[in-house]
Amino acid sequence: MPATLRSYRPGDFETLYEIDQDCYPRGIAYSRRTLRWFLSLSEAECLVAEAGGEIAGFILSEWDGPRAHIITIDVLERNRREGVGSALLLSAEDGLMQRGVQEVVLETAATNDAAIAFWQKHGYRERGIYPRYYLARIDAIAMSKSLVRDQDH
């Protein structure tokens, strides 16, 4: 069953927090306070994917003029490899393009081969390394993608 996407609602918060805790190790996953802060930003957008009547994942991004930052994308393990992450990402990119965003940036752990492959599959390219970015010991790969409008539409 394909996931359906919708905008974040405040009642989703605890579920999104729990998903983030499941997706990332302690110290990398966001605290409730930090996740609430990101969600409260006026320039933030959070899309939620539902599958089988339950939240399967979400993407949280923020934008500032021509540049956006993907804060996190989280998909429950049982819903991975079903297109949930790709659907969230493509929808978020469409929304960012509509806001005039021309470039999206993100960071991912250099040790997370699955995430690196996911981002590369979607056109993100390495633009640098942040040494000891996570937990003061795991390097992050900084990645970016140019968003170009299709001139045929």
C-alpha atoms as a PDB file:
ATOM      1  CA  MET A   1       0.000   0.000   0.000  1.00  0.00           C
ATOM      2  CA  PRO A   2       1.550   3.334  -1.003  1.00  0.00           C
ATOM      3  CA  ALA A   3       2.047   6.000   1.613  1.00  0.00           C
ATOM      4  CA  THR A   4      -0.057   9.145   1.654  1.00  0.00           C
ATOM      5  CA  LEU A   5       1.608  12.456   2.422  1.00  0.00           C
ATOM      6  CA  ARG A   6       0.254  15.340   4.444  1.00  0.00           C
ATOM      7  CA  SER A   7       1.440  18.348   6.396  1.00  0.00           C
ATOM      8  CA  TYR A   8       2.542  17.992  10.004  1.00  0.00           C
ATOM      9  CA  ARG A   9      -0.085  18.541  12.698  1.00  0.00           C
ATOM     10  CA  PRO A  10       0.811  19.342  16.334  1.00  0.00           C
ATOM     11  CA  GLY A  11      -0.785  16.067  17.481  1.00  0.00           C
ATOM     12  CA  ASP A  12       1.890  14.223  15.487  1.00  0.00           C
ATOM     13  CA  PHE A  13       4.722  15.456  17.682  1.00  0.00           C
ATOM     14  CA  GLU A  14       5.178  12.478  20.043  1.00  0.00           C
ATOM     15  CA  THR A  15       5.030   9.985  17.176  1.00  0.00           C
ATOM     16  CA  LEU A  16       7.616  11.954  15.178  1.00  0.00           C
ATOM     17  CA  TYR A  17       9.831  12.188  18.252  1.00  0.00           C
ATOM     18  CA  GLU A  18       9.590   8.402  18.788  1.00  0.00           C
ATOM     19  CA  ILE A  19      10.366   7.733  15.113  1.00  0.00           C
ATOM     20  CA  ASP A  20      13.438   9.975  15.310  1.00  0.00           C
ATOM     21  CA  GLN A  21      14.592   8.112  18.429  1.00  0.00           C
ATOM     22  CA  ASP A  22      14.164   4.796  16.554  1.00  0.00           C
ATOM     23  CA  CYS A  23      15.990   5.999  13.436  1.00  0.00           C
ATOM     24  CA  TYR A  24      19.093   7.505  15.018  1.00  0.00           C
ATOM     25  CA  PRO A  25      21.424   6.564  17.869  1.00  0.00           C
ATOM     26  CA  ARG A  26      21.273   8.310  21.202  1.00  0.00           C
ATOM     27  CA  GLY A  27      23.089  11.621  20.954  1.00  0.00           C
ATOM     28  CA  ILE A  28      22.313  11.952  17.233  1.00  0.00           C
ATOM     29  CA  ALA A  29      18.519  11.697  17.527  1.00  0.00           C
ATOM     30  CA  TYR A  30      16.929  15.022  18.453  1.00  0.00           C
ATOM     31  CA  SER A  31      15.767  15.841  21.946  1.00  0.00           C
ATOM     32  CA  ARG A  32      12.106  16.811  22.330  1.00  0.00           C
ATOM     33  CA  ARG A  33      13.184  20.412  22.851  1.00  0.00           C
ATOM     34  CA  THR A  34      15.314  20.552  19.693  1.00  0.00           C
ATOM     35  CA  LEU A  35      12.706  18.827  17.536  1.00  0.00           C
ATOM     36  CA  ARG A  36      10.002  21.221  18.829  1.00  0.00           C
ATOM     37  CA  TRP A  37      12.277  24.172  18.064  1.00  0.00           C
ATOM     38  CA  PHE A  38      12.892  23.047  14.467  1.00  0.00           C
ATOM     39  CA  LEU A  39       9.168  22.450  13.940  1.00  0.00           C
ATOM     40  CA  SER A  40       8.366  25.930  15.279  1.00  0.00           C
ATOM     41  CA  LEU A  41      10.574  27.787  12.806  1.00  0.00           C
ATOM     42  CA  SER A  42       8.502  29.984  10.499  1.00  0.00           C
ATOM     43  CA  GLU A  43      10.633  28.820   7.533  1.00  0.00           C
ATOM     44  CA  ALA A  44      10.270  25.119   8.377  1.00  0.00           C
ATOM     45  CA  GLU A  45       8.116  22.589   6.595  1.00  0.00           C
ATOM     46  CA  CYS A  46       7.383  19.105   7.845  1.00  0.00           C
ATOM     47  CA  LEU A  47       5.708  16.481   5.700  1.00  0.00           C
ATOM     48  CA  VAL A  48       4.376  13.270   7.200  1.00  0.00           C
ATOM     49  CA  ALA A  49       3.912   9.936   5.404  1.00  0.00           C
ATOM     50  CA  GLU A  50       1.160   7.593   6.532  1.00  0.00           C
ATOM     51  CA  ALA A  51       0.961   3.917   5.586  1.00  0.00           C
ATOM     52  CA  GLY A  52      -1.719   1.586   6.849  1.00  0.00           C
ATOM     53  CA  GLY A  53      -3.243   4.372   8.940  1.00  0.00           C
ATOM     54  CA  GLU A  54      -0.038   4.984  10.892  1.00  0.00           C
ATOM     55  CA  ILE A  55       2.780   7.478  10.527  1.00  0.00           C
ATOM     56  CA  ALA A  56       5.603   5.746   8.640  1.00  0.00           C
ATOM     57  CA  GLY A  57       8.019   8.652   8.379  1.00  0.00           C
ATOM     58  CA  PHE A  58       8.572  12.354   7.961  1.00  0.00           C
ATOM     59  CA  ILE A  59      10.864  14.947   6.440  1.00  0.00           C
ATOM     60  CA  LEU A  60      11.706  18.259   8.051  1.00  0.00           C
ATOM     61  CA  SER A  61      13.320  21.063   6.091  1.00  0.00           C
ATOM     62  CA  GLU A  62      13.868  24.783   6.447  1.00  0.00           C
ATOM     63  CA  TRP A  63      14.560  27.405   3.830  1.00  0.00           C
ATOM     64  CA  ASP A  64      16.143  30.825   3.692  1.00  0.00           C
ATOM     65  CA  GLY A  65      15.899  32.520   0.323  1.00  0.00           C
ATOM     66  CA  PRO A  66      17.469  30.446  -2.442  1.00  0.00           C
ATOM     67  CA  ARG A  67      18.874  27.776  -0.100  1.00  0.00           C
ATOM     68  CA  ALA A  68      17.166  25.081   1.956  1.00  0.00           C
ATOM     69  CA  HIS A  69      18.440  22.620   4.526  1.00  0.00           C
ATOM     70  CA  ILE A  70      17.044  19.156   5.114  1.00  0.00           C
ATOM     71  CA  ILE A  71      17.088  18.858   8.880  1.00  0.00           C
ATOM     72  CA  THR A  72      16.082  15.210   8.953  1.00  0.00           C
ATOM     73  CA  ILE A  73      14.287  12.482   7.060  1.00  0.00           C
ATOM     74  CA  ASP A  74      13.088   9.568   9.161  1.00  0.00           C
ATOM     75  CA  VAL A  75      11.352   6.401   7.962  1.00  0.00           C
ATOM     76  CA  LEU A  76      10.501   3.514  10.258  1.00  0.00           C
ATOM     77  CA  GLU A  77      12.590   0.449   9.484  1.00  0.00           C
ATOM     78  CA  ARG A  78       9.521  -1.625   8.591  1.00  0.00           C
ATOM     79  CA  ASN A  79       8.553   0.973   5.936  1.00  0.00           C
ATOM     80  CA  ARG A  80      11.961   1.348   4.321  1.00  0.00           C
ATOM     81  CA  ARG A  81      12.510   0.302   0.707  1.00  0.00           C
ATOM     82  CA  GLU A  82       8.823   0.935  -0.027  1.00  0.00           C
ATOM     83  CA  GLY A  83       9.321   4.379  -1.594  1.00  0.00           C
ATOM     84  CA  VAL A  84       8.282   6.311   1.530  1.00  0.00           C
ATOM     85  CA  GLY A  85      11.554   8.243   1.816  1.00  0.00           C
ATOM     86  CA  SER A  86      11.633   9.000  -1.907  1.00  0.00           C
ATOM     87  CA  ALA A  87       8.024  10.226  -1.861  1.00  0.00           C
ATOM     88  CA  LEU A  88       8.748  12.481   1.127  1.00  0.00           C
ATOM     89  CA  LEU A  89      11.901  13.874  -0.472  1.00  0.00           C
ATOM     90  CA  LEU A  90      10.359  14.548  -3.887  1.00  0.00           C
ATOM     91  CA  SER A  91       7.349  16.262  -2.337  1.00  0.00           C
ATOM     92  CA  ALA A  92       9.566  18.396  -0.089  1.00  0.00           C
ATOM     93  CA  GLU A  93      11.751  19.372  -3.055  1.00  0.00           C
ATOM     94  CA  ASP A  94       8.653  20.362  -5.058  1.00  0.00           C
ATOM     95  CA  GLY A  95       7.470  22.577  -2.200  1.00  0.00           C
ATOM     96  CA  LEU A  96      10.904  24.153  -1.855  1.00  0.00           C
ATOM     97  CA  MET A  97      11.091  24.873  -5.595  1.00  0.00           C
ATOM     98  CA  GLN A  98       7.718  26.625  -5.354  1.00  0.00           C
ATOM     99  CA  ARG A  99       9.270  28.876  -2.696  1.00  0.00           C
ATOM    100  CA  GLY A 100      12.122  29.765  -5.042  1.00  0.00           C
ATOM    101  CA  VAL A 101      14.738  27.521  -3.453  1.00  0.00           C
ATOM    102  CA  GLN A 102      17.580  26.781  -5.860  1.00  0.00           C
ATOM    103  CA  GLU A 103      19.825  24.574  -3.705  1.00  0.00           C
ATOM    104  CA  VAL A 104      19.222  22.035  -0.955  1.00  0.00           C
ATOM    105  CA  VAL A 105      21.945  21.094   1.529  1.00  0.00           C
ATOM    106  CA  LEU A 106      22.155  18.379   4.177  1.00  0.00           C
ATOM    107  CA  GLU A 107      24.537  16.394   6.321  1.00  0.00           C
ATOM    108  CA  THR A 108      24.699  12.635   6.747  1.00  0.00           C
ATOM    109  CA  ALA A 109      26.990  10.400   8.766  1.00  0.00           C
ATOM    110  CA  ALA A 110      29.997   9.210   6.780  1.00  0.00           C
ATOM    111  CA  THR A 111      29.384   5.764   8.301  1.00  0.00           C
ATOM    112  CA  ASN A 112      25.775   5.514   7.029  1.00  0.00           C
ATOM    113  CA  ASP A 113      26.192   3.805   3.650  1.00  0.00           C
ATOM    114  CA  ALA A 114      22.439   3.350   3.109  1.00  0.00           C
ATOM    115  CA  ALA A 115      21.769   7.067   3.631  1.00  0.00           C
ATOM    116  CA  ILE A 116      24.651   8.081   1.376  1.00  0.00           C
ATOM    117  CA  ALA A 117      23.312   5.801  -1.375  1.00  0.00           C
ATOM    118  CA  PHE A 118      19.787   7.203  -0.917  1.00  0.00           C
ATOM    119  CA  TRP A 119      20.957  10.798  -1.270  1.00  0.00           C
ATOM    120  CA  GLN A 120      23.163  10.006  -4.266  1.00  0.00           C
ATOM    121  CA  LYS A 121      20.278   8.183  -5.967  1.00  0.00           C
ATOM    122  CA  HIS A 122      18.287  11.409  -5.653  1.00  0.00           C
ATOM    123  CA  GLY A 123      20.990  13.617  -7.171  1.00  0.00           C
ATOM    124  CA  TYR A 124      22.775  14.859  -4.055  1.00  0.00           C
ATOM    125  CA  ARG A 125      26.527  15.193  -4.331  1.00  0.00           C
ATOM    126  CA  GLU A 126      29.265  15.451  -1.739  1.00  0.00           C
ATOM    127  CA  ARG A 127      30.544  18.962  -1.146  1.00  0.00           C
ATOM    128  CA  GLY A 128      32.748  18.411   1.876  1.00  0.00           C
ATOM    129  CA  ILE A 129      33.378  16.672   5.170  1.00  0.00           C
ATOM    130  CA  TYR A 130      32.617  17.985   8.648  1.00  0.00           C
ATOM    131  CA  PRO A 131      35.093  16.189  10.927  1.00  0.00           C
ATOM    132  CA  ARG A 132      33.664  14.742  14.162  1.00  0.00           C
ATOM    133  CA  TYR A 133      30.237  16.317  13.454  1.00  0.00           C
ATOM    134  CA  TYR A 134      28.191  13.636  15.230  1.00  0.00           C
ATOM    135  CA  LEU A 135      28.931  12.780  18.853  1.00  0.00           C
ATOM    136  CA  ALA A 136      32.296  14.545  18.452  1.00  0.00           C
ATOM    137  CA  ARG A 137      33.653  11.438  16.716  1.00  0.00           C
ATOM    138  CA  ILE A 138      31.710  10.600  13.529  1.00  0.00           C
ATOM    139  CA  ASP A 139      32.409  12.622  10.395  1.00  0.00           C
ATOM    140  CA  ALA A 140      29.510  14.036   8.402  1.00  0.00           C
ATOM    141  CA  ILE A 141      29.361  14.288   4.655  1.00  0.00           C
ATOM    142  CA  ALA A 142      27.936  17.602   3.532  1.00  0.00           C
ATOM    143  CA  MET A 143      25.817  17.108   0.419  1.00  0.00           C
ATOM    144  CA  SER A 144      23.885  19.398  -1.883  1.00  0.00           C
ATOM    145  CA  LYS A 145      21.604  19.376  -4.894  1.00  0.00           C
ATOM    146  CA  SER A 146      20.591  22.131  -7.280  1.00  0.00           C
ATOM    147  CA  LEU A 147      16.862  22.409  -7.843  1.00  0.00           C
ATOM    148  CA  VAL A 148      16.159  23.406 -11.423  1.00  0.00           C
ATOM    149  CA  ARG A 149      12.666  24.054 -12.692  1.00  0.00           C
ATOM    150  CA  ASP A 150      11.537  22.050 -15.676  1.00  0.00           C
ATOM    151  CA  GLN A 151      11.282  24.599 -18.482  1.00  0.00           C
ATOM    152  CA  ASP A 152       8.546  22.596 -20.252  1.00  0.00           C
ATOM    153  CA  HIS A 153       5.927  23.355 -17.591  1.00  0.00           C
END
